Amino acid sequence: MSIYSQPAHPGLTCKQTVDQIVETIRKACVPIGSANVPDFVVEADVVSLAEAQRLASFYSKFEYGLKRLLWLGVN
């Protein structure tokens, strides 16, 4: 069985699972030399709530509001 096809352990937290995936990717990149590049793996937030709200377009907010209205119905 390849290390790339091993199942995740159900007792791991989300962060531990992500760390395991990142480590597997890093190990897979070692033979081609990519893992030796500075900042190859960086631990940082993917996106903050404020940034996500800022990046959400008017259209996407409108679309979500309309879908929510349809899901919840009009009282």
N, C-alpha and C. Protein backbone atom coordinates (compact mmCIF):
# COMPACT_ATOMS: atom_id res chain seq x y z
N MET A 1 0.85 -1.18 0.00
CA MET A 1 0.00 0.00 0.00
C MET A 1 0.89 1.24 0.00
N SER A 2 0.60 2.17 -0.86
CA SER A 2 1.35 3.42 -0.96
C SER A 2 1.01 4.34 0.20
N ILE A 3 1.96 5.19 0.58
CA ILE A 3 1.67 6.16 1.64
C ILE A 3 0.63 7.17 1.18
N TYR A 4 0.44 7.29 -0.12
CA TYR A 4 -0.51 8.26 -0.64
C TYR A 4 -1.94 7.75 -0.62
N SER A 5 -2.14 6.47 -0.33
CA SER A 5 -3.48 5.92 -0.31
C SER A 5 -3.91 5.47 1.08
N GLN A 6 -3.17 5.89 2.10
CA GLN A 6 -3.52 5.52 3.45
C GLN A 6 -4.74 6.32 3.91
N PRO A 7 -5.69 5.66 4.57
CA PRO A 7 -6.88 6.39 5.04
C PRO A 7 -6.52 7.28 6.23
N ALA A 8 -7.29 8.33 6.40
CA ALA A 8 -7.09 9.22 7.55
C ALA A 8 -7.58 8.49 8.80
N HIS A 9 -7.00 8.81 9.92
CA HIS A 9 -7.41 8.21 11.18
C HIS A 9 -8.60 8.99 11.73
N PRO A 10 -9.68 8.30 12.11
CA PRO A 10 -10.89 8.99 12.55
C PRO A 10 -10.72 9.78 13.84
N GLY A 11 -9.70 9.48 14.65
CA GLY A 11 -9.51 10.17 15.92
C GLY A 11 -8.77 11.49 15.81
N LEU A 12 -8.34 11.87 14.60
CA LEU A 12 -7.57 13.10 14.43
C LEU A 12 -8.47 14.32 14.38
N THR A 13 -7.95 15.44 14.86
CA THR A 13 -8.66 16.71 14.72
C THR A 13 -8.50 17.20 13.29
N CYS A 14 -9.26 18.24 12.92
CA CYS A 14 -9.15 18.81 11.57
C CYS A 14 -7.73 19.30 11.32
N LYS A 15 -7.15 20.00 12.30
CA LYS A 15 -5.80 20.53 12.13
C LYS A 15 -4.78 19.40 11.96
N GLN A 16 -4.92 18.35 12.75
CA GLN A 16 -4.00 17.21 12.63
C GLN A 16 -4.13 16.55 11.26
N THR A 17 -5.35 16.46 10.76
CA THR A 17 -5.57 15.88 9.43
C THR A 17 -4.91 16.73 8.36
N VAL A 18 -5.09 18.05 8.44
CA VAL A 18 -4.47 18.96 7.47
C VAL A 18 -2.95 18.87 7.57
N ASP A 19 -2.43 18.86 8.80
CA ASP A 19 -0.97 18.73 8.97
C ASP A 19 -0.45 17.44 8.35
N GLN A 20 -1.21 16.36 8.49
CA GLN A 20 -0.82 15.07 7.91
C GLN A 20 -0.81 15.15 6.38
N ILE A 21 -1.82 15.79 5.81
CA ILE A 21 -1.89 15.95 4.35
C ILE A 21 -0.73 16.80 3.85
N VAL A 22 -0.45 17.91 4.54
CA VAL A 22 0.64 18.80 4.14
C VAL A 22 1.97 18.06 4.21
N GLU A 23 2.18 17.29 5.25
CA GLU A 23 3.43 16.53 5.39
C GLU A 23 3.57 15.49 4.28
N THR A 24 2.46 14.86 3.90
CA THR A 24 2.50 13.89 2.80
C THR A 24 2.87 14.57 1.49
N ILE A 25 2.29 15.75 1.24
CA ILE A 25 2.62 16.51 0.02
C ILE A 25 4.08 16.92 0.04
N ARG A 26 4.56 17.41 1.21
CA ARG A 26 5.96 17.83 1.32
C ARG A 26 6.90 16.66 1.03
N LYS A 27 6.60 15.49 1.60
CA LYS A 27 7.43 14.31 1.37
C LYS A 27 7.42 13.90 -0.10
N ALA A 28 6.27 14.05 -0.75
CA ALA A 28 6.17 13.69 -2.17
C ALA A 28 6.99 14.64 -3.04
N CYS A 29 7.21 15.87 -2.58
CA CYS A 29 7.95 16.86 -3.36
C CYS A 29 9.46 16.82 -3.12
N VAL A 30 9.90 16.09 -2.11
CA VAL A 30 11.33 16.00 -1.80
C VAL A 30 12.15 15.46 -2.98
N PRO A 31 11.73 14.39 -3.65
CA PRO A 31 12.55 13.85 -4.75
C PRO A 31 12.80 14.83 -5.89
N ILE A 32 11.91 15.78 -6.11
CA ILE A 32 12.12 16.73 -7.21
C ILE A 32 12.72 18.04 -6.72
N GLY A 33 12.99 18.14 -5.42
CA GLY A 33 13.67 19.30 -4.88
C GLY A 33 12.79 20.47 -4.52
N SER A 34 11.50 20.35 -4.72
CA SER A 34 10.60 21.47 -4.42
C SER A 34 10.47 21.75 -2.94
N ALA A 35 10.60 20.73 -2.12
CA ALA A 35 10.42 20.89 -0.68
C ALA A 35 11.54 21.68 -0.04
N ASN A 36 12.66 21.88 -0.74
CA ASN A 36 13.79 22.62 -0.19
C ASN A 36 13.69 24.12 -0.42
N VAL A 37 12.67 24.56 -1.13
CA VAL A 37 12.47 25.98 -1.40
C VAL A 37 12.01 26.66 -0.11
N PRO A 38 12.60 27.82 0.23
CA PRO A 38 12.15 28.53 1.43
C PRO A 38 10.66 28.86 1.33
N ASP A 39 9.98 28.76 2.43
CA ASP A 39 8.54 29.04 2.51
C ASP A 39 7.71 28.10 1.64
N PHE A 40 8.22 26.89 1.42
CA PHE A 40 7.44 25.90 0.65
C PHE A 40 6.15 25.57 1.39
N VAL A 41 6.27 25.44 2.71
CA VAL A 41 5.09 25.22 3.55
C VAL A 41 5.01 26.39 4.51
N VAL A 42 3.88 27.07 4.48
CA VAL A 42 3.67 28.23 5.35
C VAL A 42 2.39 28.00 6.14
N GLU A 43 2.46 28.19 7.43
CA GLU A 43 1.26 28.05 8.25
C GLU A 43 0.65 29.43 8.45
N ALA A 44 -0.54 29.62 7.89
CA ALA A 44 -1.24 30.90 7.99
C ALA A 44 -2.73 30.66 7.78
N ASP A 45 -3.52 31.63 8.19
CA ASP A 45 -4.96 31.54 7.95
C ASP A 45 -5.21 31.57 6.45
N VAL A 46 -6.16 30.78 6.01
CA VAL A 46 -6.50 30.76 4.60
C VAL A 46 -7.15 32.08 4.22
N VAL A 47 -8.14 32.48 4.97
CA VAL A 47 -8.79 33.76 4.74
C VAL A 47 -9.51 34.15 6.02
N SER A 48 -9.46 35.41 6.36
CA SER A 48 -10.15 35.87 7.56
C SER A 48 -11.60 36.17 7.23
N LEU A 49 -12.43 36.25 8.24
CA LEU A 49 -13.83 36.57 8.04
C LEU A 49 -13.98 37.94 7.40
N ALA A 50 -13.21 38.92 7.88
CA ALA A 50 -13.28 40.27 7.32
C ALA A 50 -12.89 40.28 5.85
N GLU A 51 -11.84 39.53 5.51
CA GLU A 51 -11.40 39.48 4.11
C GLU A 51 -12.45 38.78 3.24
N ALA A 52 -13.05 37.72 3.76
CA ALA A 52 -14.08 37.01 3.01
C ALA A 52 -15.28 37.92 2.75
N GLN A 53 -15.68 38.69 3.77
CA GLN A 53 -16.80 39.61 3.60
C GLN A 53 -16.45 40.71 2.60
N ARG A 54 -15.23 41.18 2.64
CA ARG A 54 -14.80 42.24 1.72
C ARG A 54 -14.77 41.73 0.29
N LEU A 55 -14.36 40.47 0.11
CA LEU A 55 -14.23 39.91 -1.23
C LEU A 55 -15.56 39.45 -1.83
N ALA A 56 -16.56 39.24 -0.97
CA ALA A 56 -17.86 38.79 -1.47
C ALA A 56 -18.49 39.92 -2.29
N SER A 57 -18.84 39.60 -3.49
CA SER A 57 -19.42 40.62 -4.38
C SER A 57 -20.88 40.88 -4.00
N PHE A 58 -21.39 41.99 -4.48
CA PHE A 58 -22.80 42.32 -4.26
C PHE A 58 -23.68 41.22 -4.82
N TYR A 59 -23.32 40.72 -6.00
CA TYR A 59 -24.13 39.69 -6.65
C TYR A 59 -24.20 38.43 -5.79
N SER A 60 -23.07 38.00 -5.24
CA SER A 60 -23.08 36.77 -4.44
C SER A 60 -23.90 36.96 -3.17
N LYS A 61 -23.86 38.17 -2.58
CA LYS A 61 -24.68 38.44 -1.39
C LYS A 61 -26.16 38.44 -1.76
N PHE A 62 -26.49 39.04 -2.90
CA PHE A 62 -27.87 39.07 -3.37
C PHE A 62 -28.36 37.65 -3.66
N GLU A 63 -27.53 36.86 -4.33
CA GLU A 63 -27.88 35.48 -4.67
C GLU A 63 -28.14 34.67 -3.41
N TYR A 64 -27.28 34.81 -2.41
CA TYR A 64 -27.45 34.08 -1.16
C TYR A 64 -28.75 34.51 -0.47
N GLY A 65 -29.01 35.82 -0.44
CA GLY A 65 -30.24 36.31 0.19
C GLY A 65 -31.48 35.77 -0.49
N LEU A 66 -31.46 35.71 -1.81
CA LEU A 66 -32.60 35.19 -2.57
C LEU A 66 -32.79 33.69 -2.28
N LYS A 67 -31.71 32.94 -2.29
CA LYS A 67 -31.80 31.50 -1.99
C LYS A 67 -32.31 31.28 -0.58
N ARG A 68 -31.82 32.08 0.36
CA ARG A 68 -32.25 31.94 1.75
C ARG A 68 -33.74 32.22 1.87
N LEU A 69 -34.21 33.24 1.15
CA LEU A 69 -35.63 33.56 1.15
C LEU A 69 -36.45 32.38 0.62
N LEU A 70 -35.97 31.75 -0.45
CA LEU A 70 -36.67 30.60 -1.02
C LEU A 70 -36.64 29.40 -0.08
N TRP A 71 -35.50 29.20 0.61
CA TRP A 71 -35.38 28.07 1.53
C TRP A 71 -36.31 28.23 2.73
N LEU A 72 -36.30 29.44 3.30
CA LEU A 72 -37.06 29.67 4.52
C LEU A 72 -38.52 29.99 4.24
N GLY A 73 -38.80 30.45 3.04
CA GLY A 73 -40.16 30.83 2.68
C GLY A 73 -40.50 32.21 3.24
N VAL A 74 -41.56 32.74 2.75
CA VAL A 74 -42.02 34.06 3.19
C VAL A 74 -43.15 33.85 4.17
N ASN A 75 -43.05 34.46 5.35
CA ASN A 75 -44.10 34.31 6.37
C ASN A 75 -45.17 35.34 6.21
